[in-house]
Amino acid sequence: MSDMQDYRSSLEDVNSRKFETFSYLPPMEPEGIRKQVEYLVRKGWNPAIEHTEPENAFDHYWYMWKLPMFGETDADRILEEAAACHKAHPNNHVRLVGYDNYAQSQGAAMVIYRGKPV
């Protein structure tokens, strides 16, 4: 297994931390993020947007941006809300969550904007 890569991350180095599955991959282009939003909508999951300061991402609850977007099926509307959250909180991480009503849990969660540590 010499092909395995060690992702060096630490609590002291805020920039090194990984969040959710997609953070181990190269950053997603806007088209990739859109495809993930469309997947979330196709699954019937309710989108919600959360944000937090980078230094609090591991040991604090994330703040909810407005209310979950129950029943929203327009990917543009979801992406616009995520962009509005990022604009309002440019130094925070912004995460998109898809709530699965059937399983009563998160079906998907991904950081789509990484904040800058202060």
Protein backbone atom coordinates (compact mmCIF):
# COMPACT_ATOMS: atom_id res chain seq x y z
CA MET A 1 0.00 0.00 0.00
CA SER A 2 2.78 2.43 -0.75
CA ASP A 3 0.36 4.46 -2.90
CA MET A 4 -1.53 5.61 0.19
CA GLN A 5 -1.09 9.29 0.95
CA ASP A 6 -0.89 10.69 4.46
CA TYR A 7 -2.90 13.90 4.67
CA ARG A 8 -1.04 15.87 7.25
CA SER A 9 -3.50 17.82 9.32
CA SER A 10 -3.41 19.12 12.84
CA LEU A 11 -5.48 21.09 15.27
CA GLU A 12 -2.77 23.75 15.46
CA ASP A 13 -2.69 24.37 11.70
CA VAL A 14 -6.20 25.55 10.79
CA ASN A 15 -5.38 25.53 7.06
CA SER A 16 -4.45 21.84 7.12
CA ARG A 17 -7.78 20.56 8.43
CA LYS A 18 -10.02 18.39 6.29
CA PHE A 19 -13.83 18.61 6.29
CA GLU A 20 -16.17 16.01 4.89
CA THR A 21 -15.24 13.56 2.11
CA PHE A 22 -14.71 16.05 -0.71
CA SER A 23 -11.99 17.98 1.14
CA TYR A 24 -9.56 15.12 0.43
CA LEU A 25 -9.98 15.73 -3.29
CA PRO A 26 -8.81 18.69 -5.34
CA PRO A 27 -11.10 21.73 -4.91
CA MET A 28 -14.32 21.39 -6.87
CA GLU A 29 -14.97 23.72 -9.75
CA PRO A 30 -18.36 25.49 -9.76
CA GLU A 31 -19.69 22.88 -12.23
CA GLY A 32 -18.81 20.09 -9.79
CA ILE A 33 -20.54 21.86 -6.93
CA ARG A 34 -23.60 22.37 -9.13
CA LYS A 35 -23.67 18.64 -9.92
CA GLN A 36 -23.59 17.84 -6.21
CA VAL A 37 -26.48 20.26 -5.58
CA GLU A 38 -28.46 18.67 -8.43
CA TYR A 39 -27.77 15.21 -6.97
CA LEU A 40 -29.00 16.38 -3.56
CA VAL A 41 -32.20 17.72 -5.16
CA ARG A 42 -32.75 14.52 -7.21
CA LYS A 43 -32.54 12.48 -4.00
CA GLY A 44 -35.32 14.63 -2.52
CA TRP A 45 -33.11 15.87 0.31
CA ASN A 46 -33.77 19.26 1.89
CA PRO A 47 -30.82 21.61 1.43
CA ALA A 48 -29.51 23.74 4.28
CA ILE A 49 -26.55 26.08 4.49
CA GLU A 50 -24.34 26.35 7.55
CA HIS A 51 -21.25 28.39 8.35
CA THR A 52 -18.63 28.74 11.07
CA GLU A 53 -15.25 30.24 11.80
CA PRO A 54 -12.40 27.96 10.64
CA GLU A 55 -11.00 27.68 14.16
CA ASN A 56 -14.41 26.46 15.47
CA ALA A 57 -15.21 23.97 12.74
CA PHE A 58 -14.35 20.88 14.79
CA ASP A 59 -15.58 21.58 18.27
CA HIS A 60 -18.60 23.85 17.85
CA TYR A 61 -21.98 23.59 16.22
CA TRP A 62 -22.12 25.34 12.85
CA TYR A 63 -24.46 28.34 12.51
CA MET A 64 -27.54 27.82 10.37
CA TRP A 65 -27.87 30.31 7.51
CA LYS A 66 -31.56 31.14 7.56
CA LEU A 67 -33.86 28.10 7.74
CA PRO A 68 -33.39 24.85 5.81
CA MET A 69 -34.71 25.20 2.27
CA PHE A 70 -37.51 22.66 2.64
CA GLY A 71 -38.68 21.35 -0.72
CA GLU A 72 -36.34 23.59 -2.76
CA THR A 73 -35.58 22.03 -6.15
CA ASP A 74 -33.92 24.94 -7.95
CA ALA A 75 -30.13 24.45 -7.92
CA ASP A 76 -29.59 28.11 -8.83
CA ARG A 77 -31.56 29.26 -5.79
CA ILE A 78 -29.56 26.97 -3.49
CA LEU A 79 -26.26 28.17 -4.94
CA GLU A 80 -27.38 31.80 -4.64
CA GLU A 81 -28.11 31.31 -0.93
CA ALA A 82 -24.71 29.68 -0.40
CA ALA A 83 -23.03 32.61 -2.18
CA ALA A 84 -25.04 35.08 -0.06
CA CYS A 85 -23.89 33.32 3.10
CA HIS A 86 -20.28 33.45 1.90
CA LYS A 87 -20.62 37.14 1.05
CA ALA A 88 -22.06 37.89 4.50
CA HIS A 89 -19.38 35.81 6.27
CA PRO A 90 -16.31 35.82 3.96
CA ASN A 91 -13.94 34.47 6.62
CA ASN A 92 -16.15 31.51 7.54
CA HIS A 93 -16.39 28.03 6.08
CA VAL A 94 -19.73 27.55 4.31
CA ARG A 95 -21.19 24.06 4.19
CA LEU A 96 -24.09 22.68 2.16
CA VAL A 97 -26.06 19.95 3.90
CA GLY A 98 -28.72 17.68 2.42
CA TYR A 99 -31.19 16.40 5.03
CA ASP A 100 -32.73 13.02 4.26
CA ASN A 101 -36.29 13.01 5.63
CA TYR A 102 -36.59 9.24 5.39
CA ALA A 103 -33.41 8.38 7.29
CA GLN A 104 -33.79 11.48 9.46
CA SER A 105 -30.11 12.30 9.06
CA GLN A 106 -27.71 14.14 6.81
CA GLY A 107 -27.55 12.48 3.41
CA ALA A 108 -24.76 14.76 2.24
CA ALA A 109 -22.56 17.50 3.65
CA MET A 110 -19.78 19.39 1.91
CA VAL A 111 -17.80 22.55 2.51
CA ILE A 112 -18.24 24.65 -0.62
CA TYR A 113 -16.42 27.78 0.57
CA ARG A 114 -13.38 27.64 2.81
CA GLY A 115 -12.88 30.61 5.07
CA LYS A 116 -9.63 32.32 5.92
CA PRO A 117 -8.43 31.92 9.50
CA VAL A 118 -8.03 35.20 11.34
